[in-house]
C-alpha atoms as a PDB file:
ATOM      1  CA  UNK A   1     -12.769  88.579 140.688  1.00  0.00           C
ATOM      2  CA  UNK A   2     -14.880  85.559 139.846  1.00  0.00           C
ATOM      3  CA  UNK A   3     -11.729  83.459 139.529  1.00  0.00           C
ATOM      4  CA  UNK A   4     -10.503  84.660 142.920  1.00  0.00           C
ATOM      5  CA  UNK A   5     -13.892  83.857 144.461  1.00  0.00           C
ATOM      6  CA  UNK A   6     -13.840  80.331 143.012  1.00  0.00           C
ATOM      7  CA  UNK A   7     -10.355  79.796 144.408  1.00  0.00           C
ATOM      8  CA  UNK A   8     -11.375  81.052 147.858  1.00  0.00           C
ATOM      9  CA  UNK A   9      -9.107  84.106 147.829  1.00  0.00           C
ATOM     10  CA  UNK A  10     -11.463  86.232 149.946  1.00  0.00           C
ATOM     11  CA  UNK A  11      -8.651  88.334 151.434  1.00  0.00           C
ATOM     12  CA  UNK A  12      -7.540  89.454 147.977  1.00  0.00           C
ATOM     13  CA  UNK A  13     -11.100  90.383 147.039  1.00  0.00           C
ATOM     14  CA  UNK A  14     -11.419  92.489 150.208  1.00  0.00           C
ATOM     15  CA  UNK A  15      -8.054  94.094 149.431  1.00  0.00           C
ATOM     16  CA  UNK A  16      -9.134  95.079 145.905  1.00  0.00           C
ATOM     17  CA  UNK A  17     -12.478  96.423 147.152  1.00  0.00           C
ATOM     18  CA  UNK A  18     -10.725  98.476 149.831  1.00  0.00           C
ATOM     19  CA  UNK A  19      -8.302  99.893 147.249  1.00  0.00           C
ATOM     20  CA  UNK A  20     -11.217 100.981 145.043  1.00  0.00           C
ATOM     21  CA  UNK A  21     -12.962 102.640 147.973  1.00  0.00           C
ATOM     22  CA  UNK A  22      -9.811 104.516 149.000  1.00  0.00           C
ATOM     23  CA  UNK A  23      -9.104 105.724 145.468  1.00  0.00           C
ATOM     24  CA  UNK A  24     -12.694 106.825 144.804  1.00  0.00           C
ATOM     25  CA  UNK A  25     -12.981 108.864 148.021  1.00  0.00           C
ATOM     26  CA  UNK A  26      -9.588 109.864 149.426  1.00  0.00           C
ATOM     27  CA  UNK A  27      -9.348 110.948 153.045  1.00  0.00           C
ATOM     28  CA  UNK A  28      -8.659 114.696 153.212  1.00  0.00           C
ATOM     29  CA  UNK A  29      -5.483 115.627 155.079  1.00  0.00           C
ATOM     30  CA  UNK A  30      -6.105 119.381 155.152  1.00  0.00           C
ATOM     31  CA  UNK A  31      -8.707 121.994 154.254  1.00  0.00           C
ATOM     32  CA  UNK A  32      -7.318 122.314 150.738  1.00  0.00           C
ATOM     33  CA  UNK A  33      -8.010 118.632 150.127  1.00  0.00           C
ATOM     34  CA  UNK A  34     -11.591 119.095 151.337  1.00  0.00           C
ATOM     35  CA  UNK A  35     -12.222 121.910 148.844  1.00  0.00           C
ATOM     36  CA  UNK A  36     -11.349 119.516 146.003  1.00  0.00           C
ATOM     37  CA  UNK A  37     -14.022 116.978 147.014  1.00  0.00           C
ATOM     38  CA  UNK A  38     -17.484 116.856 145.457  1.00  0.00           C
ATOM     39  CA  UNK A  39     -19.966 119.258 147.079  1.00  0.00           C
ATOM     40  CA  UNK A  40     -22.096 116.542 148.701  1.00  0.00           C
ATOM     41  CA  UNK A  41     -18.992 114.861 150.155  1.00  0.00           C
ATOM     42  CA  UNK A  42     -17.769 118.242 151.447  1.00  0.00           C
ATOM     43  CA  UNK A  43     -21.077 118.695 153.300  1.00  0.00           C
ATOM     44  CA  UNK A  44     -20.840 115.209 154.850  1.00  0.00           C
ATOM     45  CA  UNK A  45     -17.216 115.846 155.846  1.00  0.00           C
ATOM     46  CA  UNK A  46     -18.091 119.186 157.478  1.00  0.00           C
ATOM     47  CA  UNK A  47     -21.082 117.688 159.305  1.00  0.00           C
ATOM     48  CA  UNK A  48     -18.915 114.861 160.621  1.00  0.00           C
ATOM     49  CA  UNK A  49     -16.178 117.264 161.785  1.00  0.00           C
ATOM     50  CA  UNK A  50     -18.680 119.497 163.582  1.00  0.00           C
ATOM     51  CA  UNK A  51     -20.210 116.468 165.323  1.00  0.00           C
ATOM     52  CA  UNK A  52     -16.765 115.340 166.476  1.00  0.00           C
ATOM     53  CA  UNK A  53     -15.879 118.830 167.732  1.00  0.00           C
ATOM     54  CA  UNK A  54     -19.163 118.966 169.673  1.00  0.00           C
ATOM     55  CA  UNK A  55     -18.426 115.589 171.274  1.00  0.00           C
ATOM     56  CA  UNK A  56     -14.949 116.768 172.283  1.00  0.00           C
ATOM     57  CA  UNK A  57     -16.361 119.993 173.750  1.00  0.00           C
ATOM     58  CA  UNK A  58     -19.115 118.076 175.599  1.00  0.00           C
ATOM     59  CA  UNK A  59     -16.402 115.909 177.178  1.00  0.00           C
ATOM     60  CA  UNK A  60     -14.467 119.042 178.203  1.00  0.00           C
ATOM     61  CA  UNK A  61     -11.498 118.005 176.082  1.00  0.00           C
ATOM     62  CA  UNK A  62     -10.951 121.611 175.026  1.00  0.00           C
ATOM     63  CA  UNK A  63     -12.364 125.055 175.614  1.00  0.00           C
ATOM     64  CA  UNK A  64     -12.723 128.015 173.279  1.00  0.00           C
ATOM     65  CA  UNK A  65     -10.496 130.936 174.269  1.00  0.00           C
ATOM     66  CA  UNK A  66      -9.872 134.432 172.915  1.00  0.00           C
ATOM     67  CA  UNK A  67      -7.028 134.899 170.465  1.00  0.00           C
ATOM     68  CA  UNK A  68      -3.860 136.549 171.798  1.00  0.00           C
ATOM     69  CA  UNK A  69      -3.590 140.281 171.078  1.00  0.00           C
ATOM     70  CA  UNK A  70      -2.416 141.009 167.569  1.00  0.00           C
ATOM     71  CA  UNK A  71      -3.800 137.785 166.080  1.00  0.00           C
ATOM     72  CA  UNK A  72      -6.752 137.796 163.692  1.00  0.00           C
ATOM     73  CA  UNK A  73      -9.303 135.021 163.222  1.00  0.00           C
ATOM     74  CA  UNK A  74      -9.352 133.200 159.895  1.00  0.00           C
ATOM     75  CA  UNK A  75     -12.495 133.993 157.920  1.00  0.00           C
ATOM     76  CA  UNK A  76     -13.969 131.495 155.437  1.00  0.00           C
END
């Protein structure tokens, strides 16, 4: 890294830093991925998702409706 900095290769340094960040905290693609994260990261992820859902609801992007007959809600 020091050699890259001396040579002015800032883009490569940013690339390597971004790769480390991605590998150390992968972005969950589904609920199963979330359950494999550390507990404190799971809490942050859930808080962020709930905030985003609230913003969408406040903007009337969606509305909560009853399930069709015969369908059961998923329990955690």
